[in-house]
Amino acid sequence: MSFHIRTALPDDADAIETVRMATWRVAYAGVMPRSLLDGLEVRPEQVRARSEALATGSASGMVAVRDGLLQGFSLYGPSRDDDIPGMEVYALYVLPAEFSTGMGRALMTATMEEITAAGCPEAGLWVLAENARARRFYERYGFTPSGRTVRRGDPPLDEVHYRLPLAGSR
């Protein structure tokens, strides 16, 4: 069974949030409190915000579709950190059934192609320090830790910043 990658549309917001919630329950088990993960649900206000961000261009994204159903997504845009140049990958998630199928890599490749085409010298991202699976994925892709860490969120969790110089700036 194959999948295809396309640009995320505002109408994808509900499916994006559904994938995000399903993935969080698996990817963050043992990292985030079980009560928080069990209480996750797709909320209309989050779907509206996601749809608006995609419609206005404050975020862009790619989606992976298999058999007509959205199975994964990436979201990216300008770096949220004033002192970090380039663009930032805000999110990259695939449903647990799609782990290790190449879908995440295909999404990241499509995302990096878009960021490179925008003329950005580098891409960055933040990942939970305890998310070993994601950190291995990003490192295999070529991202390296920038040396920056931050504690944020509720509950407060450590995040590590990664960066990837892009074509023409390496």
N, C-alpha and C. Protein backbone atom coordinates (compact mmCIF):
# COMPACT_ATOMS: atom_id res chain seq x y z
N MET A 1 0.84 -1.18 0.00
CA MET A 1 0.00 0.00 0.00
C MET A 1 0.88 1.24 0.00
N SER A 2 0.57 2.18 -0.86
CA SER A 2 1.38 3.38 -0.95
C SER A 2 0.62 4.57 -0.39
N PHE A 3 1.32 5.65 -0.22
CA PHE A 3 0.74 6.90 0.27
C PHE A 3 1.24 8.02 -0.62
N HIS A 4 0.60 9.16 -0.54
CA HIS A 4 1.10 10.33 -1.25
C HIS A 4 1.14 11.53 -0.31
N ILE A 5 2.02 12.45 -0.63
CA ILE A 5 2.24 13.66 0.16
C ILE A 5 1.68 14.83 -0.65
N ARG A 6 0.95 15.70 0.04
CA ARG A 6 0.45 16.91 -0.60
C ARG A 6 0.46 18.06 0.41
N THR A 7 0.23 19.25 -0.08
CA THR A 7 0.15 20.43 0.78
C THR A 7 -1.07 20.34 1.68
N ALA A 8 -0.90 20.73 2.94
CA ALA A 8 -2.02 20.75 3.88
C ALA A 8 -2.96 21.90 3.53
N LEU A 9 -4.25 21.63 3.64
CA LEU A 9 -5.30 22.61 3.35
C LEU A 9 -6.06 22.93 4.63
N PRO A 10 -6.70 24.09 4.70
CA PRO A 10 -7.50 24.42 5.88
C PRO A 10 -8.53 23.33 6.22
N ASP A 11 -9.09 22.68 5.21
CA ASP A 11 -10.08 21.62 5.45
C ASP A 11 -9.48 20.37 6.08
N ASP A 12 -8.16 20.28 6.13
CA ASP A 12 -7.49 19.13 6.76
C ASP A 12 -7.38 19.28 8.28
N ALA A 13 -7.75 20.43 8.82
CA ALA A 13 -7.49 20.73 10.23
C ALA A 13 -8.05 19.68 11.18
N ASP A 14 -9.26 19.22 10.96
CA ASP A 14 -9.85 18.23 11.87
C ASP A 14 -9.06 16.92 11.84
N ALA A 15 -8.71 16.47 10.65
CA ALA A 15 -7.93 15.22 10.52
C ALA A 15 -6.54 15.40 11.11
N ILE A 16 -5.94 16.57 10.94
CA ILE A 16 -4.63 16.84 11.53
C ILE A 16 -4.70 16.72 13.04
N GLU A 17 -5.71 17.32 13.63
CA GLU A 17 -5.86 17.25 15.09
C GLU A 17 -6.14 15.82 15.56
N THR A 18 -6.89 15.07 14.79
CA THR A 18 -7.16 13.67 15.14
C THR A 18 -5.86 12.86 15.14
N VAL A 19 -5.03 13.06 14.13
CA VAL A 19 -3.74 12.37 14.07
C VAL A 19 -2.86 12.82 15.24
N ARG A 20 -2.85 14.11 15.52
CA ARG A 20 -2.01 14.62 16.61
C ARG A 20 -2.40 13.99 17.95
N MET A 21 -3.69 13.92 18.24
CA MET A 21 -4.13 13.34 19.52
C MET A 21 -3.78 11.85 19.60
N ALA A 22 -4.03 11.11 18.53
CA ALA A 22 -3.73 9.66 18.52
C ALA A 22 -2.24 9.42 18.68
N THR A 23 -1.43 10.24 18.05
CA THR A 23 0.01 10.07 18.12
C THR A 23 0.55 10.46 19.49
N TRP A 24 0.05 11.54 20.06
CA TRP A 24 0.50 11.95 21.39
C TRP A 24 0.29 10.83 22.40
N ARG A 25 -0.86 10.14 22.32
CA ARG A 25 -1.16 9.09 23.31
C ARG A 25 -0.10 7.99 23.31
N VAL A 26 0.49 7.72 22.16
CA VAL A 26 1.51 6.68 22.04
C VAL A 26 2.91 7.27 22.23
N ALA A 27 3.22 8.33 21.50
CA ALA A 27 4.58 8.89 21.49
C ALA A 27 4.98 9.45 22.85
N TYR A 28 4.04 9.96 23.62
CA TYR A 28 4.37 10.61 24.88
C TYR A 28 4.01 9.77 26.10
N ALA A 29 3.64 8.51 25.89
CA ALA A 29 3.39 7.62 27.04
C ALA A 29 4.69 7.48 27.82
N GLY A 30 4.61 7.66 29.13
CA GLY A 30 5.80 7.60 29.96
C GLY A 30 6.56 8.91 30.04
N VAL A 31 6.21 9.87 29.19
CA VAL A 31 6.84 11.18 29.20
C VAL A 31 5.90 12.21 29.82
N MET A 32 4.64 12.16 29.39
CA MET A 32 3.61 13.05 29.93
C MET A 32 2.71 12.24 30.86
N PRO A 33 2.06 12.91 31.80
CA PRO A 33 1.17 12.18 32.71
C PRO A 33 0.06 11.45 31.96
N ARG A 34 -0.20 10.21 32.37
CA ARG A 34 -1.24 9.39 31.74
C ARG A 34 -2.59 10.10 31.75
N SER A 35 -2.90 10.80 32.85
CA SER A 35 -4.19 11.50 32.94
C SER A 35 -4.32 12.57 31.86
N LEU A 36 -3.22 13.25 31.54
CA LEU A 36 -3.24 14.24 30.48
C LEU A 36 -3.49 13.58 29.14
N LEU A 37 -2.77 12.50 28.86
CA LEU A 37 -2.92 11.80 27.57
C LEU A 37 -4.30 11.19 27.42
N ASP A 38 -4.83 10.61 28.52
CA ASP A 38 -6.17 10.01 28.45
C ASP A 38 -7.25 11.06 28.22
N GLY A 39 -7.00 12.29 28.65
CA GLY A 39 -7.99 13.35 28.51
C GLY A 39 -7.93 14.11 27.20
N LEU A 40 -7.00 13.75 26.34
CA LEU A 40 -6.88 14.45 25.05
C LEU A 40 -8.11 14.21 24.18
N GLU A 41 -8.56 15.26 23.54
CA GLU A 41 -9.65 15.15 22.58
C GLU A 41 -9.51 16.27 21.56
N VAL A 42 -10.05 16.02 20.40
CA VAL A 42 -10.05 17.04 19.36
C VAL A 42 -11.09 18.08 19.77
N ARG A 43 -10.62 19.31 19.91
CA ARG A 43 -11.50 20.41 20.36
C ARG A 43 -11.79 21.34 19.19
N PRO A 44 -13.05 21.76 19.05
CA PRO A 44 -13.42 22.63 17.93
C PRO A 44 -12.57 23.90 17.84
N GLU A 45 -12.21 24.49 18.98
CA GLU A 45 -11.43 25.73 18.93
C GLU A 45 -10.02 25.48 18.38
N GLN A 46 -9.46 24.29 18.65
CA GLN A 46 -8.14 23.97 18.11
C GLN A 46 -8.24 23.71 16.61
N VAL A 47 -9.30 23.04 16.19
CA VAL A 47 -9.51 22.80 14.75
C VAL A 47 -9.66 24.14 14.03
N ARG A 48 -10.44 25.05 14.58
CA ARG A 48 -10.61 26.38 13.96
C ARG A 48 -9.28 27.12 13.88
N ALA A 49 -8.52 27.09 14.97
CA ALA A 49 -7.22 27.78 14.98
C ALA A 49 -6.27 27.18 13.94
N ARG A 50 -6.24 25.84 13.85
CA ARG A 50 -5.38 25.17 12.88
C ARG A 50 -5.81 25.52 11.45
N SER A 51 -7.11 25.50 11.20
CA SER A 51 -7.63 25.84 9.88
C SER A 51 -7.29 27.28 9.50
N GLU A 52 -7.45 28.18 10.45
CA GLU A 52 -7.15 29.59 10.20
C GLU A 52 -5.66 29.79 9.93
N ALA A 53 -4.80 29.12 10.69
CA ALA A 53 -3.35 29.24 10.48
C ALA A 53 -2.98 28.78 9.07
N LEU A 54 -3.57 27.69 8.62
CA LEU A 54 -3.28 27.19 7.27
C LEU A 54 -3.88 28.11 6.20
N ALA A 55 -5.04 28.69 6.47
CA ALA A 55 -5.69 29.57 5.50
C ALA A 55 -4.95 30.89 5.35
N THR A 56 -4.43 31.42 6.45
CA THR A 56 -3.76 32.73 6.41
C THR A 56 -2.28 32.63 6.09
N GLY A 57 -1.71 31.44 6.16
CA GLY A 57 -0.30 31.27 5.89
C GLY A 57 0.58 31.49 7.10
N SER A 58 0.01 31.67 8.30
CA SER A 58 0.85 31.81 9.48
C SER A 58 1.53 30.48 9.81
N ALA A 59 1.01 29.40 9.25
CA ALA A 59 1.67 28.09 9.27
C ALA A 59 1.39 27.43 7.92
N SER A 60 2.32 26.63 7.51
CA SER A 60 2.15 25.83 6.30
C SER A 60 2.32 24.39 6.69
N GLY A 61 1.95 23.49 5.81
CA GLY A 61 2.11 22.09 6.16
C GLY A 61 2.02 21.17 4.97
N MET A 62 2.35 19.92 5.26
CA MET A 62 2.24 18.83 4.31
C MET A 62 1.46 17.72 4.99
N VAL A 63 0.73 16.94 4.22
CA VAL A 63 0.01 15.81 4.78
C VAL A 63 0.33 14.56 3.98
N ALA A 64 0.27 13.43 4.68
CA ALA A 64 0.45 12.12 4.06
C ALA A 64 -0.91 11.44 4.04
N VAL A 65 -1.31 10.97 2.86
CA VAL A 65 -2.62 10.37 2.69
C VAL A 65 -2.45 8.95 2.14
N ARG A 66 -3.13 8.01 2.79
CA ARG A 66 -3.14 6.62 2.34
C ARG A 66 -4.60 6.19 2.25
N ASP A 67 -4.97 5.63 1.13
CA ASP A 67 -6.34 5.16 0.92
C ASP A 67 -7.37 6.24 1.22
N GLY A 68 -7.05 7.47 0.85
CA GLY A 68 -7.97 8.58 1.03
C GLY A 68 -8.05 9.15 2.43
N LEU A 69 -7.26 8.60 3.37
CA LEU A 69 -7.30 9.06 4.76
C LEU A 69 -5.98 9.69 5.16
N LEU A 70 -6.06 10.82 5.84
CA LEU A 70 -4.87 11.50 6.32
C LEU A 70 -4.25 10.66 7.42
N GLN A 71 -2.96 10.32 7.26
CA GLN A 71 -2.25 9.44 8.19
C GLN A 71 -1.11 10.14 8.92
N GLY A 72 -0.72 11.31 8.43
CA GLY A 72 0.38 12.03 9.05
C GLY A 72 0.43 13.45 8.52
N PHE A 73 1.20 14.30 9.21
CA PHE A 73 1.30 15.69 8.79
C PHE A 73 2.57 16.34 9.33
N SER A 74 2.94 17.44 8.69
CA SER A 74 3.97 18.33 9.21
C SER A 74 3.40 19.73 9.17
N LEU A 75 3.86 20.56 10.10
CA LEU A 75 3.52 21.98 10.11
C LEU A 75 4.81 22.75 10.28
N TYR A 76 4.94 23.86 9.57
CA TYR A 76 6.17 24.63 9.61
C TYR A 76 5.87 26.10 9.31
N GLY A 77 6.84 26.95 9.62
CA GLY A 77 6.70 28.37 9.35
C GLY A 77 7.90 29.11 9.91
N PRO A 78 7.75 30.43 10.05
CA PRO A 78 8.86 31.23 10.57
C PRO A 78 9.26 30.77 11.96
N SER A 79 10.55 30.86 12.25
CA SER A 79 11.04 30.50 13.58
C SER A 79 10.30 31.32 14.63
N ARG A 80 9.88 30.67 15.70
CA ARG A 80 9.20 31.36 16.79
C ARG A 80 10.19 32.00 17.77
N ASP A 81 11.47 31.77 17.53
CA ASP A 81 12.52 32.33 18.38
C ASP A 81 13.22 33.45 17.63
N ASP A 82 13.15 34.66 18.16
CA ASP A 82 13.74 35.82 17.48
C ASP A 82 15.22 35.66 17.19
N ASP A 83 15.93 34.92 18.03
CA ASP A 83 17.38 34.80 17.87
C ASP A 83 17.81 33.54 17.11
N ILE A 84 16.85 32.81 16.56
CA ILE A 84 17.17 31.62 15.76
C ILE A 84 16.71 31.89 14.33
N PRO A 85 17.64 31.90 13.37
CA PRO A 85 17.28 32.24 11.99
C PRO A 85 16.53 31.11 11.28
N GLY A 86 16.00 31.45 10.13
CA GLY A 86 15.38 30.44 9.27
C GLY A 86 13.95 30.13 9.63
N MET A 87 13.56 28.93 9.29
CA MET A 87 12.20 28.48 9.54
C MET A 87 12.24 27.34 10.54
N GLU A 88 11.07 27.05 11.09
CA GLU A 88 10.94 26.04 12.13
C GLU A 88 9.91 24.99 11.73
N VAL A 89 10.23 23.74 11.98
CA VAL A 89 9.25 22.67 11.86
C VAL A 89 8.51 22.64 13.19
N TYR A 90 7.23 23.00 13.16
CA TYR A 90 6.44 23.07 14.39
C TYR A 90 5.97 21.69 14.85
N ALA A 91 5.70 20.83 13.90
CA ALA A 91 5.16 19.51 14.25
C ALA A 91 5.40 18.54 13.10
N LEU A 92 5.61 17.29 13.45
CA LEU A 92 5.69 16.20 12.48
C LEU A 92 5.17 14.95 13.19
N TYR A 93 4.03 14.47 12.76
CA TYR A 93 3.40 13.31 13.39
C TYR A 93 2.83 12.39 12.33
N VAL A 94 2.98 11.10 12.58
CA VAL A 94 2.28 10.09 11.78
C VAL A 94 1.58 9.15 12.76
N LEU A 95 0.48 8.58 12.34
CA LEU A 95 -0.23 7.64 13.20
C LEU A 95 0.70 6.50 13.59
N PRO A 96 0.54 5.97 14.79
CA PRO A 96 1.42 4.88 15.24
C PRO A 96 1.51 3.71 14.26
N ALA A 97 0.43 3.41 13.56
CA ALA A 97 0.46 2.32 12.58
C ALA A 97 1.41 2.63 11.42
N GLU A 98 1.78 3.90 11.27
CA GLU A 98 2.67 4.32 10.18
C GLU A 98 4.10 4.53 10.65
N PHE A 99 4.39 4.28 11.93
CA PHE A 99 5.77 4.39 12.40
C PHE A 99 6.64 3.44 11.57
N SER A 100 7.82 3.88 11.20
CA SER A 100 8.82 3.08 10.49
C SER A 100 8.37 2.60 9.11
N THR A 101 7.45 3.33 8.47
CA THR A 101 7.02 2.97 7.11
C THR A 101 7.65 3.86 6.05
N GLY A 102 8.38 4.89 6.48
CA GLY A 102 8.94 5.86 5.54
C GLY A 102 8.06 7.10 5.40
N MET A 103 6.89 7.09 6.01
CA MET A 103 5.98 8.22 5.88
C MET A 103 6.54 9.47 6.56
N GLY A 104 7.09 9.32 7.75
CA GLY A 104 7.66 10.47 8.44
C GLY A 104 8.80 11.08 7.65
N ARG A 105 9.66 10.23 7.10
CA ARG A 105 10.79 10.71 6.29
C ARG A 105 10.29 11.43 5.05
N ALA A 106 9.26 10.90 4.41
CA ALA A 106 8.70 11.53 3.21
C ALA A 106 8.10 12.90 3.56
N LEU A 107 7.42 12.98 4.69
CA LEU A 107 6.88 14.27 5.13
C LEU A 107 8.00 15.27 5.41
N MET A 108 9.05 14.82 6.09
CA MET A 108 10.16 15.71 6.40
C MET A 108 10.85 16.16 5.13
N THR A 109 11.04 15.26 4.18
CA THR A 109 11.69 15.63 2.92
C THR A 109 10.87 16.67 2.18
N ALA A 110 9.56 16.47 2.10
CA ALA A 110 8.70 17.45 1.42
C ALA A 110 8.73 18.79 2.14
N THR A 111 8.76 18.75 3.47
CA THR A 111 8.83 19.97 4.27
C THR A 111 10.14 20.71 4.02
N MET A 112 11.25 19.98 4.03
CA MET A 112 12.56 20.60 3.80
C MET A 112 12.65 21.18 2.39
N GLU A 113 12.03 20.52 1.42
CA GLU A 113 12.01 21.06 0.06
C GLU A 113 11.29 22.40 0.02
N GLU A 114 10.18 22.51 0.73
CA GLU A 114 9.42 23.76 0.78
C GLU A 114 10.21 24.86 1.50
N ILE A 115 10.83 24.52 2.61
CA ILE A 115 11.61 25.50 3.37
C ILE A 115 12.82 25.96 2.56
N THR A 116 13.48 25.03 1.87
CA THR A 116 14.61 25.39 1.01
C THR A 116 14.17 26.29 -0.12
N ALA A 117 13.03 25.96 -0.75
CA ALA A 117 12.51 26.77 -1.85
C ALA A 117 12.17 28.19 -1.40
N ALA A 118 11.85 28.36 -0.12
CA ALA A 118 11.55 29.69 0.42
C ALA A 118 12.83 30.49 0.66
N GLY A 119 14.00 29.87 0.43
CA GLY A 119 15.27 30.57 0.54
C GLY A 119 15.83 30.64 1.95
N CYS A 120 15.36 29.80 2.83
CA CYS A 120 15.83 29.83 4.21
C CYS A 120 17.18 29.14 4.34
N PRO A 121 18.08 29.72 5.13
CA PRO A 121 19.41 29.14 5.29
C PRO A 121 19.44 27.92 6.19
N GLU A 122 18.44 27.79 7.07
CA GLU A 122 18.41 26.63 7.94
C GLU A 122 17.01 26.39 8.46
N ALA A 123 16.80 25.17 8.94
CA ALA A 123 15.54 24.79 9.57
C ALA A 123 15.86 24.38 11.00
N GLY A 124 14.94 24.66 11.88
CA GLY A 124 15.09 24.26 13.27
C GLY A 124 13.84 23.58 13.75
N LEU A 125 13.93 22.97 14.91
CA LEU A 125 12.76 22.37 15.55
C LEU A 125 13.06 22.17 17.02
N TRP A 126 12.01 22.05 17.81
CA TRP A 126 12.11 21.74 19.23
C TRP A 126 11.49 20.37 19.44
N VAL A 127 12.12 19.56 20.28
CA VAL A 127 11.62 18.22 20.56
C VAL A 127 11.77 17.96 22.06
N LEU A 128 10.82 17.23 22.61
CA LEU A 128 10.93 16.89 24.03
C LEU A 128 12.21 16.10 24.27
N ALA A 129 12.95 16.49 25.29
CA ALA A 129 14.22 15.84 25.60
C ALA A 129 14.05 14.35 25.82
N GLU A 130 12.93 13.94 26.40
CA GLU A 130 12.70 12.53 26.70
C GLU A 130 12.12 11.73 25.53
N ASN A 131 11.88 12.38 24.41
CA ASN A 131 11.29 11.69 23.26
C ASN A 131 12.42 11.08 22.41
N ALA A 132 12.95 9.97 22.88
CA ALA A 132 14.11 9.34 22.24
C ALA A 132 13.83 8.92 20.81
N ARG A 133 12.65 8.40 20.53
CA ARG A 133 12.30 7.96 19.17
C ARG A 133 12.38 9.13 18.20
N ALA A 134 11.77 10.27 18.57
CA ALA A 134 11.78 11.44 17.69
C ALA A 134 13.19 11.99 17.53
N ARG A 135 13.94 12.03 18.61
CA ARG A 135 15.30 12.54 18.53
C ARG A 135 16.16 11.69 17.59
N ARG A 136 16.01 10.37 17.66
CA ARG A 136 16.75 9.49 16.74
C ARG A 136 16.33 9.77 15.30
N PHE A 137 15.03 9.95 15.07
CA PHE A 137 14.54 10.24 13.72
C PHE A 137 15.18 11.52 13.18
N TYR A 138 15.12 12.60 13.96
CA TYR A 138 15.67 13.88 13.50
C TYR A 138 17.18 13.79 13.28
N GLU A 139 17.88 13.10 14.15
CA GLU A 139 19.33 12.95 13.99
C GLU A 139 19.67 12.14 12.75
N ARG A 140 18.92 11.07 12.47
CA ARG A 140 19.15 10.30 11.24
C ARG A 140 18.89 11.16 10.01
N TYR A 141 17.95 12.08 10.13
CA TYR A 141 17.64 12.96 9.00
C TYR A 141 18.76 13.98 8.77
N GLY A 142 19.54 14.27 9.79
CA GLY A 142 20.64 15.21 9.65
C GLY A 142 20.59 16.40 10.59
N PHE A 143 19.53 16.51 11.37
CA PHE A 143 19.45 17.58 12.36
C PHE A 143 20.47 17.31 13.47
N THR A 144 21.04 18.38 14.03
CA THR A 144 21.96 18.26 15.16
C THR A 144 21.50 19.19 16.28
N PRO A 145 21.75 18.80 17.52
CA PRO A 145 21.37 19.68 18.63
C PRO A 145 22.13 21.01 18.52
N SER A 146 21.43 22.11 18.75
CA SER A 146 22.05 23.44 18.66
C SER A 146 22.68 23.86 19.99
N GLY A 147 22.42 23.08 21.04
CA GLY A 147 22.93 23.43 22.35
C GLY A 147 21.92 24.19 23.20
N ARG A 148 20.79 24.51 22.62
CA ARG A 148 19.75 25.23 23.37
C ARG A 148 18.75 24.25 23.97
N THR A 149 18.36 24.50 25.18
CA THR A 149 17.29 23.75 25.83
C THR A 149 16.38 24.75 26.54
N VAL A 150 15.16 24.34 26.78
CA VAL A 150 14.20 25.18 27.48
C VAL A 150 13.23 24.28 28.23
N ARG A 151 12.72 24.77 29.33
CA ARG A 151 11.69 24.06 30.08
C ARG A 151 10.41 24.87 29.91
N ARG A 152 9.35 24.22 29.36
CA ARG A 152 8.08 24.91 29.18
C ARG A 152 6.94 23.92 29.17
N GLY A 153 5.74 24.46 29.16
CA GLY A 153 4.55 23.64 29.08
C GLY A 153 3.93 23.37 30.43
N ASP A 154 2.83 22.67 30.38
CA ASP A 154 2.11 22.27 31.59
C ASP A 154 1.66 20.83 31.40
N PRO A 155 2.35 19.87 31.98
CA PRO A 155 3.41 20.03 32.98
C PRO A 155 4.71 20.50 32.31
N PRO A 156 5.58 21.15 33.09
CA PRO A 156 6.83 21.63 32.50
C PRO A 156 7.72 20.47 32.07
N LEU A 157 8.16 20.53 30.82
CA LEU A 157 9.02 19.49 30.25
C LEU A 157 10.19 20.15 29.55
N ASP A 158 11.33 19.46 29.54
CA ASP A 158 12.50 19.97 28.85
C ASP A 158 12.38 19.71 27.36
N GLU A 159 12.72 20.73 26.57
CA GLU A 159 12.78 20.61 25.12
C GLU A 159 14.19 20.93 24.66
N VAL A 160 14.60 20.27 23.60
CA VAL A 160 15.93 20.44 23.01
C VAL A 160 15.74 21.00 21.60
N HIS A 161 16.57 21.99 21.26
CA HIS A 161 16.50 22.57 19.92
C HIS A 161 17.47 21.86 18.99
N TYR A 162 16.99 21.58 17.77
CA TYR A 162 17.81 20.98 16.72
C TYR A 162 17.83 21.92 15.53
N ARG A 163 18.90 21.83 14.74
CA ARG A 163 19.00 22.66 13.55
C ARG A 163 19.54 21.84 12.38
N LEU A 164 19.23 22.31 11.18
CA LEU A 164 19.71 21.67 9.96
C LEU A 164 20.03 22.76 8.94
N PRO A 165 21.33 22.99 8.65
CA PRO A 165 21.68 23.93 7.58
C PRO A 165 21.13 23.39 6.25
N LEU A 166 20.63 24.28 5.42
CA LEU A 166 20.03 23.86 4.16
C LEU A 166 20.95 24.15 2.99
N ALA A 167 20.60 23.59 1.84
CA ALA A 167 21.41 23.70 0.63
C ALA A 167 21.86 25.14 0.39
N GLY A 168 23.11 25.29 0.04
CA GLY A 168 23.65 26.60 -0.26
C GLY A 168 24.23 27.30 0.97
N SER A 169 23.92 26.76 2.17
CA SER A 169 24.43 27.42 3.37
C SER A 169 25.33 26.50 4.17
N ARG A 170 25.54 25.28 3.70
CA ARG A 170 26.34 24.30 4.45
C ARG A 170 27.81 24.53 4.34
